[in-house]
């Protein structure tokens, strides 16, 4: 079995708090600093790195990948208004680590990276994700054959290669990420990210469609300490007490994509 080498904690935030993106991030980060001080752990670095990306999900018209536990995504960095360095990711998710680990998500592409991680969602629900990211061209995918060239393990589904593949909901989301700071839990150090998604045509202005705060720590040997896990859990639980920020009724990014356009 593959080792779990990363643990990522995620909370969905109230989007209205980020109508003014810069001010919203500044105020939210001030609250995070206050929690860190109260729980006696340090924050290293600054939340100064800004990343802009274009994100799109792909599936069959009947969403056969999602219904079988897969998520297929393409994401490209945006520099000077142009999309570059596009990466595709195939992820298989399961609440059972052994099942997640057993599914072939590998890619023959050069520089492909595979990992098994634990995603921790509120209030404290673990889900295991086995994924591979691989660089691809910006050529569109139209059939499963295009995807099989990157992720041949999907042939286990026994769908014909000519099966149509399309962008889910027709959505191309604009993703703005603020990162760079590290939470020092003692024996574990967690990178953080504030991720805001915007619908097409908004140019990253106004209220985002999705707001997410995440922090993650990892170890290539899969050895995590109880002390670090306890401190991460305490911090995660405190995040969910932030009534002005945490949104317990919100949907995840994947749920947003798959529901996009259905009410329009």
Foldseek 3Di string as FASTA:
>chain_A
DAFAFKEKEKFWKDLQLCLVPVVSVVVVVVVLVVVCVVLVWDKDWDLADKWKKKKWWKAFPVRPQVVQQKTWMWMFTADPNDTDFIKIKIKGKDLDQVVRVPQQQQFPAPPKDWHWHWYAYPPGRTMIMTMIMHTDDPDDAFFQLVVCNGGVSVCVVVDDRRRTMDTQLPWIKMKMKGWTMWICLPQWIKTKIWIFIATPPPVPHGGGPITMIMIMTGDNVNDDDPSSVVSVSVSSNVVCVPVNIGDPPDDDPVVCRNCHPVVD
